[in-house]
PDB file of all heavy atoms in Angstrom:
ATOM      1  N   SER A   1      12.180  -9.298  12.794  1.00  0.00           N
ATOM      2  CA  SER A   1      12.224  -8.063  11.993  1.00  0.00           C
ATOM      3  C   SER A   1      11.847  -6.833  12.803  1.00  0.00           C
ATOM      4  O   SER A   1      12.370  -5.755  12.590  1.00  0.00           O
ATOM      5  CB  SER A   1      11.299  -8.194  10.786  1.00  0.00           C
ATOM      6  OG  SER A   1       9.975  -8.474  11.207  1.00  0.00           O
ATOM      7  N   GLY A   2      10.915  -6.972  13.735  1.00  0.00           N
ATOM      8  CA  GLY A   2      10.452  -5.833  14.506  1.00  0.00           C
ATOM      9  C   GLY A   2       9.533  -4.932  13.686  1.00  0.00           C
ATOM     10  O   GLY A   2       9.599  -4.906  12.462  1.00  0.00           O
ATOM     11  N   GLY A   3       8.697  -4.167  14.369  1.00  0.00           N
ATOM     12  CA  GLY A   3       7.777  -3.284  13.660  1.00  0.00           C
ATOM     13  C   GLY A   3       6.560  -4.007  13.145  1.00  0.00           C
ATOM     14  O   GLY A   3       6.545  -5.229  12.991  1.00  0.00           O
ATOM     15  N   GLN A   4       5.521  -3.237  12.864  1.00  0.00           N
ATOM     16  CA  GLN A   4       4.268  -3.792  12.382  1.00  0.00           C
ATOM     17  C   GLN A   4       4.268  -3.892  10.857  1.00  0.00           C
ATOM     18  O   GLN A   4       4.763  -3.011  10.159  1.00  0.00           O
ATOM     19  CB  GLN A   4       3.096  -2.897  12.818  1.00  0.00           C
ATOM     20  CG  GLN A   4       2.817  -2.931  14.303  1.00  0.00           C
ATOM     21  CD  GLN A   4       1.966  -4.134  14.697  1.00  0.00           C
ATOM     22  OE1 GLN A   4       1.384  -4.805  13.860  1.00  0.00           O
ATOM     23  NE2 GLN A   4       1.897  -4.387  15.993  1.00  0.00           N
ATOM     24  N   ILE A   5       3.713  -4.978  10.363  1.00  0.00           N
ATOM     25  CA  ILE A   5       3.513  -5.164   8.922  1.00  0.00           C
ATOM     26  C   ILE A   5       1.999  -5.220   8.677  1.00  0.00           C
ATOM     27  O   ILE A   5       1.292  -6.039   9.272  1.00  0.00           O
ATOM     28  CB  ILE A   5       4.167  -6.461   8.421  1.00  0.00           C
ATOM     29  CG1 ILE A   5       5.679  -6.429   8.693  1.00  0.00           C
ATOM     30  CG2 ILE A   5       3.908  -6.648   6.932  1.00  0.00           C
ATOM     31  CD1 ILE A   5       6.379  -7.714   8.312  1.00  0.00           C
ATOM     32  N   GLN A   6       1.537  -4.340   7.815  1.00  0.00           N
ATOM     33  CA  GLN A   6       0.116  -4.315   7.479  1.00  0.00           C
ATOM     34  C   GLN A   6      -0.109  -5.167   6.229  1.00  0.00           C
ATOM     35  O   GLN A   6       0.514  -4.921   5.182  1.00  0.00           O
ATOM     36  CB  GLN A   6      -0.353  -2.881   7.216  1.00  0.00           C
ATOM     37  CG  GLN A   6      -0.080  -1.912   8.352  1.00  0.00           C
ATOM     38  CD  GLN A   6      -0.829  -2.275   9.625  1.00  0.00           C
ATOM     39  OE1 GLN A   6      -1.948  -2.777   9.559  1.00  0.00           O
ATOM     40  NE2 GLN A   6      -0.231  -2.014  10.773  1.00  0.00           N
ATOM     41  N   LEU A   7      -0.960  -6.160   6.353  1.00  0.00           N
ATOM     42  CA  LEU A   7      -1.226  -7.069   5.240  1.00  0.00           C
ATOM     43  C   LEU A   7      -2.678  -6.948   4.797  1.00  0.00           C
ATOM     44  O   LEU A   7      -3.579  -6.719   5.611  1.00  0.00           O
ATOM     45  CB  LEU A   7      -0.961  -8.521   5.662  1.00  0.00           C
ATOM     46  CG  LEU A   7       0.469  -8.927   5.966  1.00  0.00           C
ATOM     47  CD1 LEU A   7       0.523 -10.388   6.398  1.00  0.00           C
ATOM     48  CD2 LEU A   7       1.368  -8.704   4.753  1.00  0.00           C
ATOM     49  N   ALA A   8      -2.880  -7.142   3.495  1.00  0.00           N
ATOM     50  CA  ALA A   8      -4.239  -7.177   2.929  1.00  0.00           C
ATOM     51  C   ALA A   8      -4.253  -8.192   1.806  1.00  0.00           C
ATOM     52  O   ALA A   8      -3.292  -8.282   1.023  1.00  0.00           O
ATOM     53  CB  ALA A   8      -4.650  -5.812   2.416  1.00  0.00           C
ATOM     54  N   ALA A   9      -5.312  -8.974   1.753  1.00  0.00           N
ATOM     55  CA  ALA A   9      -5.455  -9.979   0.691  1.00  0.00           C
ATOM     56  C   ALA A   9      -6.902 -10.025   0.257  1.00  0.00           C
ATOM     57  O   ALA A   9      -7.818  -9.934   1.072  1.00  0.00           O
ATOM     58  CB  ALA A   9      -5.001 -11.342   1.176  1.00  0.00           C
ATOM     59  N   GLN A  10      -7.098 -10.160  -1.044  1.00  0.00           N
ATOM     60  CA  GLN A  10      -8.428 -10.253  -1.608  1.00  0.00           C
ATOM     61  C   GLN A  10      -8.518 -11.527  -2.443  1.00  0.00           C
ATOM     62  O   GLN A  10      -7.748 -11.703  -3.393  1.00  0.00           O
ATOM     63  CB  GLN A  10      -8.752  -9.039  -2.478  1.00  0.00           C
ATOM     64  CG  GLN A  10     -10.121  -9.074  -3.138  1.00  0.00           C
ATOM     65  CD  GLN A  10     -11.263  -8.912  -2.138  1.00  0.00           C
ATOM     66  OE1 GLN A  10     -11.265  -7.968  -1.349  1.00  0.00           O
ATOM     67  NE2 GLN A  10     -12.196  -9.843  -2.148  1.00  0.00           N
ATOM     68  N   PHE A  11      -9.442 -12.410  -2.061  1.00  0.00           N
ATOM     69  CA  PHE A  11      -9.642 -13.659  -2.802  1.00  0.00           C
ATOM     70  C   PHE A  11     -10.810 -13.487  -3.752  1.00  0.00           C
ATOM     71  O   PHE A  11     -11.949 -13.321  -3.319  1.00  0.00           O
ATOM     72  CB  PHE A  11      -9.920 -14.822  -1.828  1.00  0.00           C
ATOM     73  CG  PHE A  11      -8.760 -15.138  -0.928  1.00  0.00           C
ATOM     74  CD1 PHE A  11      -8.550 -14.415   0.237  1.00  0.00           C
ATOM     75  CD2 PHE A  11      -7.877 -16.150  -1.241  1.00  0.00           C
ATOM     76  CE1 PHE A  11      -7.484 -14.714   1.062  1.00  0.00           C
ATOM     77  CE2 PHE A  11      -6.822 -16.453  -0.423  1.00  0.00           C
ATOM     78  CZ  PHE A  11      -6.613 -15.739   0.731  1.00  0.00           C
ATOM     79  N   GLY A  12     -10.498 -13.527  -5.045  1.00  0.00           N
ATOM     80  CA  GLY A  12     -11.537 -13.356  -6.047  1.00  0.00           C
ATOM     81  C   GLY A  12     -12.199 -14.680  -6.403  1.00  0.00           C
ATOM     82  O   GLY A  12     -11.650 -15.751  -6.149  1.00  0.00           O
ATOM     83  N   GLY A  13     -13.341 -14.598  -7.027  1.00  0.00           N
ATOM     84  CA  GLY A  13     -14.054 -15.809  -7.392  1.00  0.00           C
ATOM     85  C   GLY A  13     -13.602 -16.412  -8.708  1.00  0.00           C
ATOM     86  O   GLY A  13     -13.998 -17.504  -9.076  1.00  0.00           O
ATOM     87  N   ASN A  14     -12.739 -15.697  -9.459  1.00  0.00           N
ATOM     88  CA  ASN A  14     -12.292 -16.174 -10.773  1.00  0.00           C
ATOM     89  C   ASN A  14     -10.827 -16.572 -10.743  1.00  0.00           C
ATOM     90  O   ASN A  14     -10.030 -16.201 -11.623  1.00  0.00           O
ATOM     91  CB  ASN A  14     -12.526 -15.087 -11.832  1.00  0.00           C
ATOM     92  CG  ASN A  14     -11.867 -13.771 -11.448  1.00  0.00           C
ATOM     93  OD1 ASN A  14     -11.451 -13.581 -10.310  1.00  0.00           O
ATOM     94  ND2 ASN A  14     -11.782 -12.862 -12.391  1.00  0.00           N
ATOM     95  N   PHE A  15     -10.427 -17.313  -9.710  1.00  0.00           N
ATOM     96  CA  PHE A  15      -9.056 -17.807  -9.540  1.00  0.00           C
ATOM     97  C   PHE A  15      -8.048 -16.653  -9.544  1.00  0.00           C
ATOM     98  O   PHE A  15      -7.017 -16.703 -10.213  1.00  0.00           O
ATOM     99  CB  PHE A  15      -8.710 -18.825 -10.635  1.00  0.00           C
ATOM    100  CG  PHE A  15      -9.612 -20.005 -10.670  1.00  0.00           C
ATOM    101  CD1 PHE A  15     -10.510 -20.175 -11.698  1.00  0.00           C
ATOM    102  CD2 PHE A  15      -9.583 -20.942  -9.647  1.00  0.00           C
ATOM    103  CE1 PHE A  15     -11.358 -21.255 -11.729  1.00  0.00           C
ATOM    104  CE2 PHE A  15     -10.429 -22.039  -9.668  1.00  0.00           C
ATOM    105  CZ  PHE A  15     -11.325 -22.191 -10.704  1.00  0.00           C
ATOM    106  N   ALA A  16      -8.373 -15.591  -8.815  1.00  0.00           N
ATOM    107  CA  ALA A  16      -7.502 -14.429  -8.699  1.00  0.00           C
ATOM    108  C   ALA A  16      -7.207 -14.139  -7.230  1.00  0.00           C
ATOM    109  O   ALA A  16      -8.057 -14.349  -6.367  1.00  0.00           O
ATOM    110  CB  ALA A  16      -8.123 -13.218  -9.372  1.00  0.00           C
ATOM    111  N   LEU A  17      -6.004 -13.650  -6.970  1.00  0.00           N
ATOM    112  CA  LEU A  17      -5.583 -13.338  -5.612  1.00  0.00           C
ATOM    113  C   LEU A  17      -4.765 -12.053  -5.646  1.00  0.00           C
ATOM    114  O   LEU A  17      -3.819 -11.937  -6.431  1.00  0.00           O
ATOM    115  CB  LEU A  17      -4.736 -14.475  -5.035  1.00  0.00           C
ATOM    116  CG  LEU A  17      -4.099 -14.256  -3.660  1.00  0.00           C
ATOM    117  CD1 LEU A  17      -5.162 -14.049  -2.594  1.00  0.00           C
ATOM    118  CD2 LEU A  17      -3.210 -15.440  -3.294  1.00  0.00           C
ATOM    119  N   GLU A  18      -5.133 -11.083  -4.834  1.00  0.00           N
ATOM    120  CA  GLU A  18      -4.407  -9.817  -4.731  1.00  0.00           C
ATOM    121  C   GLU A  18      -3.819  -9.683  -3.337  1.00  0.00           C
ATOM    122  O   GLU A  18      -4.522  -9.907  -2.339  1.00  0.00           O
ATOM    123  CB  GLU A  18      -5.331  -8.642  -5.045  1.00  0.00           C
ATOM    124  CG  GLU A  18      -5.846  -8.629  -6.466  1.00  0.00           C
ATOM    125  CD  GLU A  18      -6.752  -7.439  -6.744  1.00  0.00           C
ATOM    126  OE1 GLU A  18      -6.935  -6.626  -5.814  1.00  0.00           O
ATOM    127  OE2 GLU A  18      -7.245  -7.329  -7.869  1.00  0.00           O
ATOM    128  N   LEU A  19      -2.548  -9.310  -3.274  1.00  0.00           N
ATOM    129  CA  LEU A  19      -1.852  -9.175  -2.008  1.00  0.00           C
ATOM    130  C   LEU A  19      -1.240  -7.783  -1.887  1.00  0.00           C
ATOM    131  O   LEU A  19      -0.741  -7.238  -2.885  1.00  0.00           O
ATOM    132  CB  LEU A  19      -0.735 -10.219  -1.888  1.00  0.00           C
ATOM    133  CG  LEU A  19      -1.148 -11.687  -1.907  1.00  0.00           C
ATOM    134  CD1 LEU A  19       0.097 -12.585  -1.950  1.00  0.00           C
ATOM    135  CD2 LEU A  19      -1.989 -12.031  -0.696  1.00  0.00           C
ATOM    136  N   ALA A  20      -1.260  -7.233  -0.678  1.00  0.00           N
ATOM    137  CA  ALA A  20      -0.637  -5.940  -0.421  1.00  0.00           C
ATOM    138  C   ALA A  20       0.003  -5.996   0.969  1.00  0.00           C
ATOM    139  O   ALA A  20      -0.538  -6.580   1.901  1.00  0.00           O
ATOM    140  CB  ALA A  20      -1.654  -4.815  -0.491  1.00  0.00           C
ATOM    141  N   ALA A  21       1.176  -5.401   1.096  1.00  0.00           N
ATOM    142  CA  ALA A  21       1.886  -5.368   2.378  1.00  0.00           C
ATOM    143  C   ALA A  21       2.574  -4.022   2.530  1.00  0.00           C
ATOM    144  O   ALA A  21       3.103  -3.479   1.549  1.00  0.00           O
ATOM    145  CB  ALA A  21       2.895  -6.504   2.470  1.00  0.00           C
ATOM    146  N   LYS A  22       2.584  -3.506   3.755  1.00  0.00           N
ATOM    147  CA  LYS A  22       3.233  -2.241   4.049  1.00  0.00           C
ATOM    148  C   LYS A  22       4.040  -2.373   5.328  1.00  0.00           C
ATOM    149  O   LYS A  22       3.512  -2.760   6.372  1.00  0.00           O
ATOM    150  CB  LYS A  22       2.183  -1.132   4.186  1.00  0.00           C
ATOM    151  CG  LYS A  22       2.773   0.259   4.298  1.00  0.00           C
ATOM    152  CD  LYS A  22       1.677   1.312   4.325  1.00  0.00           C
ATOM    153  CE  LYS A  22       2.264   2.712   4.369  1.00  0.00           C
ATOM    154  NZ  LYS A  22       1.205   3.756   4.401  1.00  0.00           N
ATOM    155  N   TYR A  23       5.331  -2.086   5.227  1.00  0.00           N
ATOM    156  CA  TYR A  23       6.263  -2.241   6.352  1.00  0.00           C
ATOM    157  C   TYR A  23       6.750  -0.847   6.753  1.00  0.00           C
ATOM    158  O   TYR A  23       7.678  -0.301   6.138  1.00  0.00           O
ATOM    159  CB  TYR A  23       7.426  -3.135   5.931  1.00  0.00           C
ATOM    160  CG  TYR A  23       8.203  -3.730   7.075  1.00  0.00           C
ATOM    161  CD1 TYR A  23       9.239  -4.627   6.826  1.00  0.00           C
ATOM    162  CD2 TYR A  23       7.935  -3.422   8.394  1.00  0.00           C
ATOM    163  CE1 TYR A  23       9.976  -5.192   7.841  1.00  0.00           C
ATOM    164  CE2 TYR A  23       8.657  -3.965   9.435  1.00  0.00           C
ATOM    165  CZ  TYR A  23       9.679  -4.859   9.148  1.00  0.00           C
ATOM    166  OH  TYR A  23      10.416  -5.404  10.169  1.00  0.00           O
ATOM    167  N   GLU A  24       6.142  -0.272   7.761  1.00  0.00           N
ATOM    168  CA  GLU A  24       6.428   1.095   8.163  1.00  0.00           C
ATOM    169  C   GLU A  24       7.875   1.283   8.610  1.00  0.00           C
ATOM    170  O   GLU A  24       8.510   2.294   8.319  1.00  0.00           O
ATOM    171  CB  GLU A  24       5.477   1.536   9.285  1.00  0.00           C
ATOM    172  CG  GLU A  24       4.014   1.624   8.865  1.00  0.00           C
ATOM    173  CD  GLU A  24       3.720   2.869   8.061  1.00  0.00           C
ATOM    174  OE1 GLU A  24       4.637   3.676   7.860  1.00  0.00           O
ATOM    175  OE2 GLU A  24       2.571   3.023   7.608  1.00  0.00           O
ATOM    176  N   ALA A  25       8.436   0.313   9.319  1.00  0.00           N
ATOM    177  CA  ALA A  25       9.784   0.458   9.878  1.00  0.00           C
ATOM    178  C   ALA A  25      10.834   0.683   8.808  1.00  0.00           C
ATOM    179  O   ALA A  25      11.826   1.381   9.035  1.00  0.00           O
ATOM    180  CB  ALA A  25      10.134  -0.779  10.710  1.00  0.00           C
ATOM    181  N   TYR A  26      10.638   0.104   7.633  1.00  0.00           N
ATOM    182  CA  TYR A  26      11.607   0.234   6.539  1.00  0.00           C
ATOM    183  C   TYR A  26      11.046   1.010   5.358  1.00  0.00           C
ATOM    184  O   TYR A  26      11.662   1.025   4.281  1.00  0.00           O
ATOM    185  CB  TYR A  26      12.072  -1.169   6.079  1.00  0.00           C
ATOM    186  CG  TYR A  26      12.911  -1.887   7.104  1.00  0.00           C
ATOM    187  CD1 TYR A  26      12.315  -2.717   8.039  1.00  0.00           C
ATOM    188  CD2 TYR A  26      14.282  -1.713   7.146  1.00  0.00           C
ATOM    189  CE1 TYR A  26      13.071  -3.375   9.004  1.00  0.00           C
ATOM    190  CE2 TYR A  26      15.060  -2.368   8.100  1.00  0.00           C
ATOM    191  CZ  TYR A  26      14.442  -3.201   9.024  1.00  0.00           C
ATOM    192  OH  TYR A  26      15.204  -3.848   9.967  1.00  0.00           O
ATOM    193  N   HIS A  27       9.895   1.644   5.547  1.00  0.00           N
ATOM    194  CA  HIS A  27       9.244   2.432   4.490  1.00  0.00           C
ATOM    195  C   HIS A  27       9.137   1.619   3.210  1.00  0.00           C
ATOM    196  O   HIS A  27       9.424   2.116   2.097  1.00  0.00           O
ATOM    197  CB  HIS A  27      10.042   3.719   4.236  1.00  0.00           C
ATOM    198  CG  HIS A  27      10.239   4.567   5.458  1.00  0.00           C
ATOM    199  ND1 HIS A  27       9.218   5.306   6.029  1.00  0.00           N
ATOM    200  CD2 HIS A  27      11.346   4.753   6.243  1.00  0.00           C
ATOM    201  CE1 HIS A  27       9.689   5.940   7.089  1.00  0.00           C
ATOM    202  NE2 HIS A  27      10.963   5.619   7.255  1.00  0.00           N
ATOM    203  N   ALA A  28       8.734   0.386   3.345  1.00  0.00           N
ATOM    204  CA  ALA A  28       8.635  -0.520   2.214  1.00  0.00           C
ATOM    205  C   ALA A  28       7.187  -0.948   2.017  1.00  0.00           C
ATOM    206  O   ALA A  28       6.418  -1.029   2.982  1.00  0.00           O
ATOM    207  CB  ALA A  28       9.518  -1.738   2.410  1.00  0.00           C
ATOM    208  N   SER A  29       6.821  -1.233   0.786  1.00  0.00           N
ATOM    209  CA  SER A  29       5.474  -1.691   0.486  1.00  0.00           C
ATOM    210  C   SER A  29       5.512  -2.649  -0.704  1.00  0.00           C
ATOM    211  O   SER A  29       6.459  -2.639  -1.503  1.00  0.00           O
ATOM    212  CB  SER A  29       4.537  -0.522   0.179  1.00  0.00           C
ATOM    213  OG  SER A  29       5.004   0.199  -0.945  1.00  0.00           O
ATOM    214  N   LEU A  30       4.498  -3.467  -0.792  1.00  0.00           N
ATOM    215  CA  LEU A  30       4.410  -4.464  -1.860  1.00  0.00           C
ATOM    216  C   LEU A  30       2.954  -4.552  -2.317  1.00  0.00           C
ATOM    217  O   LEU A  30       2.029  -4.597  -1.497  1.00  0.00           O
ATOM    218  CB  LEU A  30       4.884  -5.832  -1.369  1.00  0.00           C
ATOM    219  CG  LEU A  30       4.618  -7.019  -2.287  1.00  0.00           C
ATOM    220  CD1 LEU A  30       5.488  -6.920  -3.538  1.00  0.00           C
ATOM    221  CD2 LEU A  30       4.897  -8.334  -1.560  1.00  0.00           C
ATOM    222  N   LEU A  31       2.755  -4.611  -3.624  1.00  0.00           N
ATOM    223  CA  LEU A  31       1.446  -4.789  -4.204  1.00  0.00           C
ATOM    224  C   LEU A  31       1.564  -5.786  -5.346  1.00  0.00           C
ATOM    225  O   LEU A  31       2.351  -5.543  -6.282  1.00  0.00           O
ATOM    226  CB  LEU A  31       0.871  -3.451  -4.697  1.00  0.00           C
ATOM    227  CG  LEU A  31      -0.538  -3.523  -5.329  1.00  0.00           C
ATOM    228  CD1 LEU A  31      -1.556  -3.982  -4.301  1.00  0.00           C
ATOM    229  CD2 LEU A  31      -0.914  -2.155  -5.889  1.00  0.00           C
TER     230      LEU A  31
END
């Protein structure tokens, strides 16, 4: 794919998971 992808994940104690991603090369993001 090329380019840097910034990832973030938070593991909660109550069976919860939060994910975030930012792809600068394609100006795309995910939450």
